[in-house]
Every structure is written in structure tokens, then in C-alpha cells.
Amino acid sequence: MESPRVSLNELQILQALASGGQPPLTSSHRTRLELLGLVRDGPSGVQLTDAGHRCAQQKSSSTTEPERFAHSRESPSTPRDKRGRRKRGRHMLPI
């Protein structure tokens, strides 16, 4: 069985849980990790499952980034201002 895809942030959360810490965990992360079978939420708090321990031992470089981000880095980016917004008048019409 292949390991589930987790983001770098989720991997850091799993590693913190494996080391005995209590990282700040949002309800959406808690639900996602629980549905993946990596954590179990009970009366004693969030605990890692066996699959969660295996996933926490992965190196951070082995996480795969989503394809949409990998593709966007290859193509030239849209010109942006200092706040990160797209500059005006830079639309390309498909004519």
C-alpha cells in the first residue's frame, strides 16, 4: 500500500506529534489526517497510528508537491506589483 500524500505542513505536524509535542492543529487538518488514517482523536487527545508513525519518519524532501504548483513554476509568471497582485493591462487575448 502506498503512503498517502501529505503536505510539508502536515508532515511537520506528524513529526511534532511523534516527538511528543502538541502542535497547533486546526480542525480541518485534524479531520484530514484522521480520514487518511494517520491520527486518532480520542479523549486523551490526538494520537498517531502506526501509519502515522511511518509517515512521520519520512524525510521532508520526499514529499511531492501538487502538480499544479510544479507546472506553474515552469511557465513564466504574470507580472505582479509589490503586494503580489497582477498588474493592470497585462491580459493576453486569444485572437
C-alpha atoms as a PDB file:
ATOM      1  CA  MET A   1       0.000   0.000   0.000  1.00  0.00           C
ATOM      2  CA  GLU A   2       1.395   3.386  -0.955  1.00  0.00           C
ATOM      3  CA  SER A   3       1.754   6.116   1.635  1.00  0.00           C
ATOM      4  CA  PRO A   4      -0.778   8.957   1.484  1.00  0.00           C
ATOM      5  CA  ARG A   5       0.263  12.300   0.075  1.00  0.00           C
ATOM      6  CA  VAL A   6       0.708  14.840   2.810  1.00  0.00           C
ATOM      7  CA  SER A   7       1.881  18.414   2.555  1.00  0.00           C
ATOM      8  CA  LEU A   8       5.046  19.697   4.177  1.00  0.00           C
ATOM      9  CA  ASN A   9       2.997  21.394   6.896  1.00  0.00           C
ATOM     10  CA  GLU A  10       1.110  18.177   7.657  1.00  0.00           C
ATOM     11  CA  LEU A  11       4.377  16.245   7.736  1.00  0.00           C
ATOM     12  CA  GLN A  12       5.766  18.717  10.283  1.00  0.00           C
ATOM     13  CA  ILE A  13       2.626  18.265  12.382  1.00  0.00           C
ATOM     14  CA  LEU A  14       3.040  14.481  12.275  1.00  0.00           C
ATOM     15  CA  GLN A  15       6.726  14.753  13.224  1.00  0.00           C
ATOM     16  CA  ALA A  16       5.865  17.032  16.151  1.00  0.00           C
ATOM     17  CA  LEU A  17       3.229  14.554  17.341  1.00  0.00           C
ATOM     18  CA  ALA A  18       5.738  11.702  17.014  1.00  0.00           C
ATOM     19  CA  SER A  19       8.232  13.554  19.203  1.00  0.00           C
ATOM     20  CA  GLY A  20       5.605  14.013  21.924  1.00  0.00           C
ATOM     21  CA  GLY A  21       4.719  17.648  21.283  1.00  0.00           C
ATOM     22  CA  GLN A  22       1.294  19.175  20.885  1.00  0.00           C
ATOM     23  CA  PRO A  23       1.449  21.340  17.742  1.00  0.00           C
ATOM     24  CA  PRO A  24      -1.397  23.730  16.925  1.00  0.00           C
ATOM     25  CA  LEU A  25      -3.787  21.603  14.902  1.00  0.00           C
ATOM     26  CA  THR A  26      -6.737  23.079  13.038  1.00  0.00           C
ATOM     27  CA  SER A  27      -9.958  21.121  12.775  1.00  0.00           C
ATOM     28  CA  SER A  28      -9.518  20.716   9.014  1.00  0.00           C
ATOM     29  CA  HIS A  29      -6.027  19.251   9.455  1.00  0.00           C
ATOM     30  CA  ARG A  30      -7.269  17.018  12.243  1.00  0.00           C
ATOM     31  CA  THR A  31     -10.141  15.746  10.080  1.00  0.00           C
ATOM     32  CA  ARG A  32      -7.928  15.218   7.009  1.00  0.00           C
ATOM     33  CA  LEU A  33      -5.260  13.331   8.944  1.00  0.00           C
ATOM     34  CA  GLU A  34      -7.912  11.256  10.676  1.00  0.00           C
ATOM     35  CA  LEU A  35      -9.567  10.348   7.364  1.00  0.00           C
ATOM     36  CA  LEU A  36      -6.169   9.352   5.972  1.00  0.00           C
ATOM     37  CA  GLY A  37      -5.754   7.053   8.966  1.00  0.00           C
ATOM     38  CA  LEU A  38      -2.654   8.816  10.268  1.00  0.00           C
ATOM     39  CA  VAL A  39      -4.059  10.058  13.594  1.00  0.00           C
ATOM     40  CA  ARG A  40      -6.762   9.000  16.013  1.00  0.00           C
ATOM     41  CA  ASP A  41      -8.624  11.633  18.005  1.00  0.00           C
ATOM     42  CA  GLY A  42      -9.891  10.427  21.348  1.00  0.00           C
ATOM     43  CA  PRO A  43     -10.495  11.582  24.899  1.00  0.00           C
ATOM     44  CA  SER A  44      -6.750  11.650  25.572  1.00  0.00           C
ATOM     45  CA  GLY A  45      -6.123  13.906  22.559  1.00  0.00           C
ATOM     46  CA  VAL A  46      -4.639  13.322  19.129  1.00  0.00           C
ATOM     47  CA  GLN A  47      -2.502  10.187  18.831  1.00  0.00           C
ATOM     48  CA  LEU A  48      -0.544   8.836  15.878  1.00  0.00           C
ATOM     49  CA  THR A  49      -1.487   5.497  14.396  1.00  0.00           C
ATOM     50  CA  ASP A  50       1.092   3.025  13.052  1.00  0.00           C
ATOM     51  CA  ALA A  51       0.677   4.510   9.589  1.00  0.00           C
ATOM     52  CA  GLY A  52       1.141   7.976  11.099  1.00  0.00           C
ATOM     53  CA  HIS A  53       4.427   6.921  12.699  1.00  0.00           C
ATOM     54  CA  ARG A  54       5.680   5.534   9.387  1.00  0.00           C
ATOM     55  CA  CYS A  55       4.674   8.715   7.571  1.00  0.00           C
ATOM     56  CA  ALA A  56       6.302  10.916  10.249  1.00  0.00           C
ATOM     57  CA  GLN A  57       9.623   9.150   9.707  1.00  0.00           C
ATOM     58  CA  GLN A  58       9.731  10.218   6.059  1.00  0.00           C
ATOM     59  CA  LYS A  59      12.163  12.899   5.040  1.00  0.00           C
ATOM     60  CA  SER A  60      10.657  16.266   4.174  1.00  0.00           C
ATOM     61  CA  SER A  61      12.298  16.140   0.738  1.00  0.00           C
ATOM     62  CA  SER A  62      10.324  13.027  -0.159  1.00  0.00           C
ATOM     63  CA  THR A  63       7.005  14.877  -0.099  1.00  0.00           C
ATOM     64  CA  THR A  64       5.630  15.530  -3.520  1.00  0.00           C
ATOM     65  CA  GLU A  65       4.263  18.924  -4.331  1.00  0.00           C
ATOM     66  CA  PRO A  66       0.977  19.106  -6.196  1.00  0.00           C
ATOM     67  CA  GLU A  67       1.277  19.108  -9.971  1.00  0.00           C
ATOM     68  CA  ARG A  68      -0.467  22.449 -10.346  1.00  0.00           C
ATOM     69  CA  PHE A  69       2.319  24.158  -8.372  1.00  0.00           C
ATOM     70  CA  ALA A  70       5.070  22.309 -10.227  1.00  0.00           C
ATOM     71  CA  HIS A  71       3.556  23.350 -13.559  1.00  0.00           C
ATOM     72  CA  SER A  72       3.120  26.992 -12.541  1.00  0.00           C
ATOM     73  CA  ARG A  73       6.808  27.256 -11.643  1.00  0.00           C
ATOM     74  CA  GLU A  74       7.859  26.102 -15.113  1.00  0.00           C
ATOM     75  CA  SER A  75       5.798  28.680 -17.007  1.00  0.00           C
ATOM     76  CA  PRO A  76       6.664  32.372 -16.854  1.00  0.00           C
ATOM     77  CA  SER A  77       4.748  34.140 -14.120  1.00  0.00           C
ATOM     78  CA  THR A  78       2.396  37.052 -14.581  1.00  0.00           C
ATOM     79  CA  PRO A  79       3.936  40.445 -13.754  1.00  0.00           C
ATOM     80  CA  ARG A  80       2.906  41.449 -10.234  1.00  0.00           C
ATOM     81  CA  ASP A  81       3.208  44.544  -8.080  1.00  0.00           C
ATOM     82  CA  LYS A  82       4.945  44.640  -4.708  1.00  0.00           C
ATOM     83  CA  ARG A  83       1.818  43.336  -2.935  1.00  0.00           C
ATOM     84  CA  GLY A  84       1.592  40.303  -5.218  1.00  0.00           C
ATOM     85  CA  ARG A  85      -1.402  41.455  -7.245  1.00  0.00           C
ATOM     86  CA  ARG A  86      -1.444  41.129 -11.023  1.00  0.00           C
ATOM     87  CA  LYS A  87      -0.591  44.359 -12.805  1.00  0.00           C
ATOM     88  CA  ARG A  88      -3.306  46.049 -14.815  1.00  0.00           C
ATOM     89  CA  GLY A  89      -3.467  45.871 -18.578  1.00  0.00           C
ATOM     90  CA  ARG A  90      -1.442  42.671 -18.876  1.00  0.00           C
ATOM     91  CA  HIS A  91      -4.220  40.456 -20.235  1.00  0.00           C
ATOM     92  CA  MET A  92      -3.486  38.453 -23.350  1.00  0.00           C
ATOM     93  CA  LEU A  93      -6.393  37.959 -25.688  1.00  0.00           C
ATOM     94  CA  PRO A  94      -6.597  34.669 -27.608  1.00  0.00           C
ATOM     95  CA  ILE A  95      -7.074  36.258 -31.065  1.00  0.00           C
END
